Amino acid sequence: MKLAEPMESYDDQIEAMARISCRGAVLIGQELAVDGHEPYRYRVITHAHADHLVDINISIRDSPKILAHPATFELVEVLGISVPSDKTIKVNYGDKISLGRGTLRILRSRHILGSIQVLYTSDHGLSAAYTGDFKDPGRGTEIPESDVIITEATYGSPDYVRPYKDIVDELLADFVSEMLSRGPLIIKAYYGKQQEVMEILRNYGIDAPYIANTRVYRISKIAEKYGLRIGDIFLEGTREASDITRQGWYIYFTHTTRNTTISSKTHGYRHTIIYLSGWEKKLYRAIDNNTYIFSYSGHSDFEDLLFYIDNAKPRLVIVDAYRGGDKAKKFAKYVEEKLNIRTKYQPQNILCKDKLLI
C-alpha cells in the first residue's frame, strides 16, 4: 500500500510562494515571472529600466503574455523594444487580473513613469508582493500587507540614510534656480528621472525652456501624455531650439552616459552641468567651477525600506540580490535580526555558479 505524502506545513507553503532566479526573474506562484523570463509564465515589466528588462526579447518570443502599465509599453518602444499587440496586456493601478491559480493586483509605485508593484494572491489565500524599485512608501508608493515581500535593496545599508529626503524636491529646485542665474544648464540623469525632475522644476516656478535630443524629447512627450507637467520643451536641432540657445537661458536634458552636442560654450555662454546621482554623502558637491553632482534618487533609502517591510507585516522577506548585489545580503541579515522576520536574499552566487549572472 502506498503511504500518503505528508502535507506541506504553512511555512513551507509560504516558502514556495516566490523566489528569484539566477537570471533575475522574480517568480511568484506558478504563473508569474516579473522583470525577467521563465518559460511558460506570464511576464510582468514593473518599469522601463534596463535591469528590469532582462531577457525581454526571449519573453517577447516565448511568453504567453507580457503585462505592464501602458506608459511602460510606450517607453520601451522608444528604447527600441517592440512588444507585439497580441502579446500585450496593459494594466493600470488597482486592476485585478484572474489567473489560473490566483489573482494579480497592480499597485502604485513611485519610481519613474509607469512604475508598478504586483500583489499575487493564490487560490489558497497566500499572498506575495514584489516592490520593484520604489521610493516614498506610504505616500507615492502603496504598502500592501502580504505573506511574502520581495523587495529591492539598492540602498539596503544603514550608511544610506538621507536626512533631507522630505524636502529634496524644493532643495533641487532652489539649486537649479541658483545655477540658472549664471547661465544655461545641462542636467544629466537617467530616463524617467529626467521627466520627474522636469515636472518638479515647473511646480516650483522654474519656467526656463527645456531642450532635449530625440529620445529624451519623445519620452518627455509620453510623460506629458500621462499627466506630468513638462511645459515648454524643444527638440534639439529645430529652429526653435536654435533660437533659444542663442538667447542663453534654458535647461538641456540628456542621459547620464551620453555626450551632448551642446558644448561647454555655445554662443558664448558657459554651461553649468548637473549630474543627478542616486547617492552622495552631501546634498551636492562640486567637481569643478561648472560641474556639480546633486543627490537625487528614485529609490528608497535604508529607513524607507525598513518602513515598507515593517508596515507590510510579512512572514517572509526575500531581498533582490540580482540587482542589489552585496547590500542585499547585509540588508537581509539586518531585517531578520532587527524586525524579527524570516528573511533571505536571492539569487545566491553559490547556487548560480554554473549560470551567467549579469
Protein backbone atom coordinates (compact mmCIF):
# COMPACT_ATOMS: atom_id res chain seq x y z
CA MET A 1 0.00 0.00 0.00
CA LYS A 2 1.32 3.45 -0.93
CA LEU A 3 1.72 5.73 2.05
CA ALA A 4 0.18 9.21 1.89
CA GLU A 5 2.72 12.00 1.40
CA PRO A 6 2.99 14.38 4.35
CA MET A 7 1.15 17.66 3.89
CA GLU A 8 3.21 20.80 3.49
CA SER A 9 3.43 23.00 6.56
CA TYR A 10 2.14 26.55 6.43
CA ASP A 11 5.72 27.85 6.45
CA ASP A 12 6.61 25.53 3.57
CA GLN A 13 3.69 26.87 1.55
CA ILE A 14 4.83 30.44 2.17
CA GLU A 15 8.38 29.49 1.24
CA ALA A 16 7.13 28.10 -2.07
CA MET A 17 5.25 31.29 -3.00
CA ALA A 18 8.20 33.15 -4.53
CA ARG A 19 11.88 33.05 -5.45
CA ILE A 20 14.37 34.96 -7.62
CA SER A 21 16.08 33.06 -10.42
CA CYS A 22 19.73 33.18 -11.41
CA ARG A 23 18.75 35.46 -14.31
CA GLY A 24 16.91 37.93 -12.05
CA ALA A 25 13.33 36.83 -12.74
CA VAL A 26 11.08 37.30 -9.71
CA LEU A 27 8.99 34.12 -9.81
CA ILE A 28 5.66 34.31 -7.96
CA GLY A 29 3.25 31.42 -7.66
CA GLN A 30 3.24 29.07 -10.64
CA GLU A 31 2.31 31.65 -13.26
CA LEU A 32 4.29 34.88 -12.99
CA ALA A 33 7.81 35.94 -13.94
CA VAL A 34 8.41 39.58 -13.07
CA ASP A 35 11.29 41.64 -14.53
CA GLY A 36 12.85 38.50 -16.01
CA HIS A 37 11.99 35.47 -18.11
CA GLU A 38 10.90 31.98 -17.14
CA PRO A 39 9.35 29.55 -19.65
CA TYR A 40 5.55 29.19 -19.75
CA ARG A 41 4.92 32.08 -17.38
CA TYR A 42 3.29 35.46 -17.87
CA ARG A 43 5.98 38.18 -17.94
CA VAL A 44 5.43 41.40 -15.97
CA ILE A 45 7.53 44.54 -16.50
CA THR A 46 7.49 46.79 -13.43
CA HIS A 47 9.14 49.71 -15.24
CA ALA A 48 11.29 50.62 -18.23
CA HIS A 49 14.81 50.46 -16.81
CA ALA A 50 17.36 48.06 -18.28
CA ASP A 51 17.90 45.90 -15.18
CA HIS A 52 14.17 45.17 -15.15
CA LEU A 53 14.04 44.33 -18.87
CA VAL A 54 16.40 41.37 -18.61
CA ASP A 55 15.74 38.76 -21.34
CA ILE A 56 12.79 40.76 -22.65
CA ASN A 57 13.35 39.58 -26.22
CA ILE A 58 13.09 35.97 -25.06
CA SER A 59 9.82 36.85 -23.31
CA ILE A 60 8.53 38.54 -26.46
CA ARG A 61 9.24 35.33 -28.34
CA ASP A 62 8.18 32.72 -25.78
CA SER A 63 5.96 34.14 -23.00
CA PRO A 64 2.19 33.72 -23.41
CA LYS A 65 1.58 37.38 -22.45
CA ILE A 66 3.52 40.43 -21.25
CA LEU A 67 1.92 42.77 -18.71
CA ALA A 68 2.91 46.37 -17.99
CA HIS A 69 1.46 49.83 -17.46
CA PRO A 70 0.50 51.48 -20.79
CA ALA A 71 3.19 54.14 -20.27
CA THR A 72 5.83 51.43 -19.85
CA PHE A 73 4.93 49.86 -23.18
CA GLU A 74 5.32 53.27 -24.83
CA LEU A 75 8.63 53.93 -23.09
CA VAL A 76 10.18 50.60 -24.08
CA GLU A 77 9.10 51.27 -27.66
CA VAL A 78 11.20 54.46 -27.59
CA LEU A 79 14.07 52.35 -26.23
CA GLY A 80 13.82 50.07 -29.26
CA ILE A 81 11.79 47.22 -27.74
CA SER A 82 8.58 46.42 -29.57
CA VAL A 83 6.08 44.12 -27.87
CA PRO A 84 3.55 42.67 -30.35
CA SER A 85 -0.04 43.71 -29.65
CA ASP A 86 -1.19 40.10 -29.39
CA LYS A 87 1.26 39.58 -26.50
CA THR A 88 0.36 42.81 -24.68
CA ILE A 89 -1.80 43.18 -21.58
CA LYS A 90 -1.99 46.81 -20.44
CA VAL A 91 -2.61 47.21 -16.71
CA ASN A 92 -3.43 50.22 -14.57
CA TYR A 93 -3.21 50.89 -10.85
CA GLY A 94 -5.87 48.98 -8.96
CA ASP A 95 -6.52 46.45 -11.71
CA LYS A 96 -7.23 42.86 -10.70
CA ILE A 97 -6.46 40.07 -13.13
CA SER A 98 -7.63 36.49 -12.64
CA LEU A 99 -5.01 33.90 -13.50
CA GLY A 100 -5.32 30.14 -13.45
CA ARG A 101 -4.32 29.65 -9.82
CA GLY A 102 -4.73 33.07 -8.27
CA THR A 103 -5.34 36.79 -8.70
CA LEU A 104 -2.88 39.53 -9.61
CA ARG A 105 -3.41 43.08 -8.37
CA ILE A 106 -1.50 46.09 -9.72
CA LEU A 107 -0.28 48.62 -7.16
CA ARG A 108 1.08 52.13 -7.45
CA SER A 109 4.81 52.75 -7.08
CA ARG A 110 6.78 55.98 -7.18
CA HIS A 111 9.96 55.49 -9.17
CA ILE A 112 9.54 56.54 -12.80
CA LEU A 113 6.58 57.00 -15.11
CA GLY A 114 4.63 53.75 -15.38
CA SER A 115 6.22 52.03 -12.36
CA ILE A 116 4.08 49.34 -10.75
CA GLN A 117 4.19 46.80 -7.94
CA VAL A 118 2.49 43.42 -8.12
CA LEU A 119 0.49 41.62 -5.43
CA TYR A 120 -0.40 38.00 -6.16
CA THR A 121 -2.92 36.07 -4.06
CA SER A 122 -3.19 32.33 -4.59
CA ASP A 123 -6.46 30.42 -4.58
CA HIS A 124 -5.36 29.11 -1.18
CA GLY A 125 -5.26 32.66 0.20
CA LEU A 126 -1.49 33.13 0.45
CA SER A 127 -0.05 36.35 -0.96
CA ALA A 128 3.26 37.63 -2.30
CA ALA A 129 4.13 41.21 -3.30
CA TYR A 130 7.09 42.48 -5.30
CA THR A 131 8.04 46.11 -4.82
CA GLY A 132 10.12 46.68 -7.94
CA ASP A 133 12.09 49.91 -7.47
CA PHE A 134 10.33 52.48 -5.30
CA LYS A 135 10.52 55.45 -3.00
CA ASP A 136 8.14 57.37 -0.69
CA PRO A 137 6.45 54.29 0.84
CA GLY A 138 3.01 55.06 2.25
CA ARG A 139 2.75 58.20 0.12
CA GLY A 140 3.71 57.77 -3.53
CA THR A 141 4.14 54.00 -3.10
CA GLU A 142 1.40 51.75 -1.73
CA ILE A 143 2.25 49.29 1.04
CA PRO A 144 0.22 46.07 0.84
CA GLU A 145 0.01 43.60 3.68
CA SER A 146 1.33 40.32 2.32
CA ASP A 147 2.66 36.95 3.49
CA VAL A 148 5.77 37.37 1.35
CA ILE A 149 7.50 40.62 0.37
CA ILE A 150 10.14 40.60 -2.37
CA THR A 151 12.00 43.89 -2.10
CA GLU A 152 14.72 45.86 -3.79
CA ALA A 153 17.74 46.81 -1.67
CA THR A 154 19.62 49.36 -3.76
CA TYR A 155 20.35 51.34 -0.60
CA GLY A 156 19.98 48.50 1.89
CA SER A 157 22.64 49.62 4.34
CA PRO A 158 22.44 51.86 7.45
CA ASP A 159 25.02 54.08 5.73
CA TYR A 160 22.38 55.12 3.19
CA VAL A 161 20.07 57.48 5.04
CA ARG A 162 19.04 60.82 3.51
CA PRO A 163 18.33 63.43 6.20
CA TYR A 164 16.86 65.85 3.64
CA LYS A 165 14.64 63.44 1.67
CA ASP A 166 11.36 65.10 2.70
CA ILE A 167 12.42 68.45 1.24
CA VAL A 168 14.76 67.32 -1.55
CA ASP A 169 12.41 68.48 -4.33
CA GLU A 170 12.47 72.03 -3.00
CA LEU A 171 16.24 71.92 -2.44
CA LEU A 172 16.79 70.71 -6.01
CA ALA A 173 14.60 73.48 -7.41
CA ASP A 174 16.50 76.10 -5.38
CA PHE A 175 19.83 74.73 -6.56
CA VAL A 176 18.76 74.71 -10.22
CA SER A 177 17.39 78.24 -9.90
CA GLU A 178 20.69 79.49 -8.48
CA MET A 179 22.74 77.76 -11.19
CA LEU A 180 20.38 79.01 -13.90
CA SER A 181 21.08 82.60 -12.82
CA ARG A 182 24.68 82.05 -14.02
CA GLY A 183 23.69 80.82 -17.48
CA PRO A 184 22.25 77.79 -19.29
CA LEU A 185 22.27 74.35 -17.65
CA ILE A 186 22.88 70.80 -18.77
CA ILE A 187 21.15 68.25 -16.50
CA LYS A 188 22.29 64.64 -16.87
CA ALA A 189 20.08 61.88 -15.48
CA TYR A 190 18.57 58.51 -16.33
CA TYR A 191 15.42 58.21 -18.41
CA GLY A 192 12.36 58.63 -16.23
CA LYS A 193 14.21 60.59 -13.56
CA GLN A 194 14.68 63.36 -16.14
CA GLN A 195 10.94 63.74 -16.60
CA GLU A 196 10.22 63.66 -12.87
CA VAL A 197 12.70 66.50 -12.39
CA MET A 198 11.22 68.44 -15.30
CA GLU A 199 7.86 68.42 -13.52
CA ILE A 200 9.38 69.30 -10.13
CA LEU A 201 11.09 72.36 -11.57
CA ARG A 202 7.83 73.52 -13.19
CA ASN A 203 5.96 73.01 -9.92
CA TYR A 204 8.48 75.28 -8.18
CA GLY A 205 8.07 78.04 -10.74
CA ILE A 206 11.11 77.49 -12.97
CA ASP A 207 9.86 78.27 -16.46
CA ALA A 208 13.08 78.19 -18.46
CA PRO A 209 12.54 76.30 -21.74
CA TYR A 210 13.83 72.73 -21.94
CA ILE A 211 15.85 71.35 -24.86
CA ALA A 212 16.32 67.62 -25.43
CA ASN A 213 17.60 65.16 -28.01
CA THR A 214 15.17 62.92 -29.87
CA ARG A 215 14.90 60.11 -27.30
CA VAL A 216 14.57 62.37 -24.27
CA TYR A 217 12.08 64.54 -26.17
CA ARG A 218 9.90 61.53 -27.09
CA ILE A 219 9.98 60.17 -23.53
CA SER A 220 9.05 63.61 -22.20
CA LYS A 221 6.08 63.82 -24.55
CA ILE A 222 4.89 60.41 -23.32
CA ALA A 223 5.25 61.65 -19.74
CA GLU A 224 3.17 64.71 -20.61
CA LYS A 225 0.51 62.46 -22.15
CA TYR A 226 0.20 60.64 -18.81
CA GLY A 227 -0.17 63.81 -16.79
CA LEU A 228 3.31 65.06 -15.94
CA ARG A 229 3.71 68.80 -16.21
CA ILE A 230 6.59 69.31 -18.64
CA GLY A 231 5.78 72.67 -20.26
CA ASP A 232 7.95 74.21 -22.98
CA ILE A 233 10.31 71.56 -24.37
CA PHE A 234 12.01 71.79 -27.75
CA LEU A 235 13.69 69.19 -29.90
CA GLU A 236 17.41 69.73 -30.33
CA GLY A 237 18.27 70.80 -33.86
CA THR A 238 14.98 72.54 -34.63
CA ARG A 239 14.82 76.23 -35.44
CA GLU A 240 13.03 76.94 -32.15
CA ALA A 241 15.76 75.19 -30.15
CA SER A 242 18.48 77.04 -32.05
CA ASP A 243 16.82 80.39 -31.31
CA ILE A 244 16.64 79.51 -27.61
CA THR A 245 20.31 78.50 -27.38
CA ARG A 246 21.28 81.88 -28.84
CA GLN A 247 19.35 83.59 -26.03
CA GLY A 248 21.31 81.63 -23.42
CA TRP A 249 18.53 80.82 -20.97
CA TYR A 250 17.44 77.18 -20.99
CA ILE A 251 17.96 73.72 -19.49
CA TYR A 252 19.26 70.94 -21.70
CA PHE A 253 18.32 67.42 -20.52
CA THR A 254 20.32 64.37 -21.56
CA HIS A 255 21.13 60.85 -20.36
CA THR A 256 23.84 60.46 -17.73
CA THR A 257 26.06 58.39 -20.03
CA ARG A 258 25.60 60.37 -23.24
CA ASN A 259 27.77 63.12 -24.64
CA THR A 260 25.91 66.23 -25.68
CA THR A 261 26.24 68.15 -28.90
CA ILE A 262 25.83 71.31 -26.85
CA SER A 263 29.39 72.17 -25.87
CA SER A 264 30.54 73.75 -22.63
CA LYS A 265 30.42 77.05 -24.51
CA THR A 266 27.62 77.55 -27.02
CA HIS A 267 27.04 81.03 -28.50
CA GLY A 268 29.49 82.36 -25.92
CA TYR A 269 27.54 81.10 -22.89
CA ARG A 270 29.25 78.86 -20.34
CA HIS A 271 27.06 75.99 -19.25
CA THR A 272 26.77 74.56 -15.78
CA ILE A 273 26.49 70.75 -15.81
CA ILE A 274 24.48 68.98 -13.09
CA TYR A 275 24.63 65.21 -12.73
CA LEU A 276 21.74 63.72 -10.76
CA SER A 277 23.20 60.91 -8.68
CA GLY A 278 21.43 58.22 -6.69
CA TRP A 279 23.70 58.69 -3.72
CA GLU A 280 26.04 61.33 -2.35
CA LYS A 281 27.12 61.86 1.27
CA LYS A 282 26.22 65.53 0.92
CA LEU A 283 23.29 67.11 -0.91
CA TYR A 284 25.65 68.12 -3.69
CA ARG A 285 29.34 68.51 -4.43
CA ALA A 286 31.37 70.43 -6.97
CA ILE A 287 33.58 68.64 -9.48
CA ASP A 288 34.86 71.97 -10.80
CA ASN A 289 33.55 75.51 -11.11
CA ASN A 290 30.93 74.47 -13.67
CA THR A 291 30.17 70.82 -12.85
CA TYR A 292 28.18 69.52 -9.89
CA ILE A 293 26.76 66.24 -8.66
CA PHE A 294 23.39 66.56 -6.91
CA SER A 295 21.95 63.71 -4.84
CA TYR A 296 18.52 62.91 -6.20
CA SER A 297 17.32 59.31 -6.25
CA GLY A 298 14.35 57.29 -7.45
CA HIS A 299 15.00 54.68 -4.75
CA SER A 300 14.11 54.39 -1.09
CA ASP A 301 16.87 54.90 1.40
CA PHE A 302 17.58 52.44 4.21
CA GLU A 303 14.94 53.87 6.55
CA ASP A 304 12.21 53.76 3.92
CA LEU A 305 12.99 50.15 3.01
CA LEU A 306 12.54 49.18 6.66
CA PHE A 307 9.37 51.28 6.92
CA TYR A 308 7.83 49.46 3.95
CA ILE A 309 8.62 46.00 5.33
CA ASP A 310 7.51 46.81 8.87
CA ASN A 311 4.13 48.06 7.63
CA ALA A 312 3.61 45.21 5.16
CA LYS A 313 3.77 42.71 8.06
CA PRO A 314 5.16 39.81 6.04
CA ARG A 315 6.03 36.35 7.34
CA LEU A 316 8.89 36.11 4.85
CA VAL A 317 11.06 38.72 3.13
CA ILE A 318 13.10 37.96 0.00
CA VAL A 319 15.73 40.58 -0.85
CA ASP A 320 16.67 41.02 -4.51
CA ALA A 321 20.41 40.30 -4.74
CA TYR A 322 20.41 40.20 -8.53
CA ARG A 323 20.01 43.98 -8.62
CA GLY A 324 21.06 44.82 -5.05
CA GLY A 325 24.40 42.97 -5.01
CA ASP A 326 26.28 42.66 -1.73
CA LYS A 327 23.94 45.10 0.00
CA ALA A 328 21.11 42.57 -0.33
CA LYS A 329 22.84 40.03 1.93
CA LYS A 330 23.58 42.66 4.57
CA PHE A 331 20.05 44.04 4.39
CA ALA A 332 18.53 40.57 4.72
CA LYS A 333 20.56 39.92 7.85
CA TYR A 334 19.57 43.28 9.34
CA VAL A 335 15.85 42.75 8.69
CA GLU A 336 15.90 39.30 10.26
CA GLU A 337 17.74 40.49 13.36
CA LYS A 338 16.03 43.85 13.94
CA LEU A 339 12.47 43.18 12.71
CA ASN A 340 12.40 39.51 13.70
CA ILE A 341 11.09 38.47 10.27
CA ARG A 342 12.39 35.42 8.42
CA THR A 343 14.50 36.87 5.60
CA LYS A 344 16.70 35.57 2.79
CA TYR A 345 18.43 37.00 -0.24
CA GLN A 346 18.28 35.58 -3.76
CA PRO A 347 19.81 34.59 -6.04
CA GLN A 348 22.88 33.33 -4.21
CA ASN A 349 26.03 33.11 -6.32
CA ILE A 350 26.92 29.73 -4.91
CA LEU A 351 23.69 28.33 -6.34
CA CYS A 352 24.17 30.10 -9.66
CA LYS A 353 27.84 29.32 -10.26
CA ASP A 354 27.05 27.48 -13.49
CA LYS A 355 24.71 30.19 -14.78
CA LEU A 356 25.51 33.64 -16.08
CA LEU A 357 24.77 36.45 -13.63
CA ILE A 358 24.70 39.90 -15.22
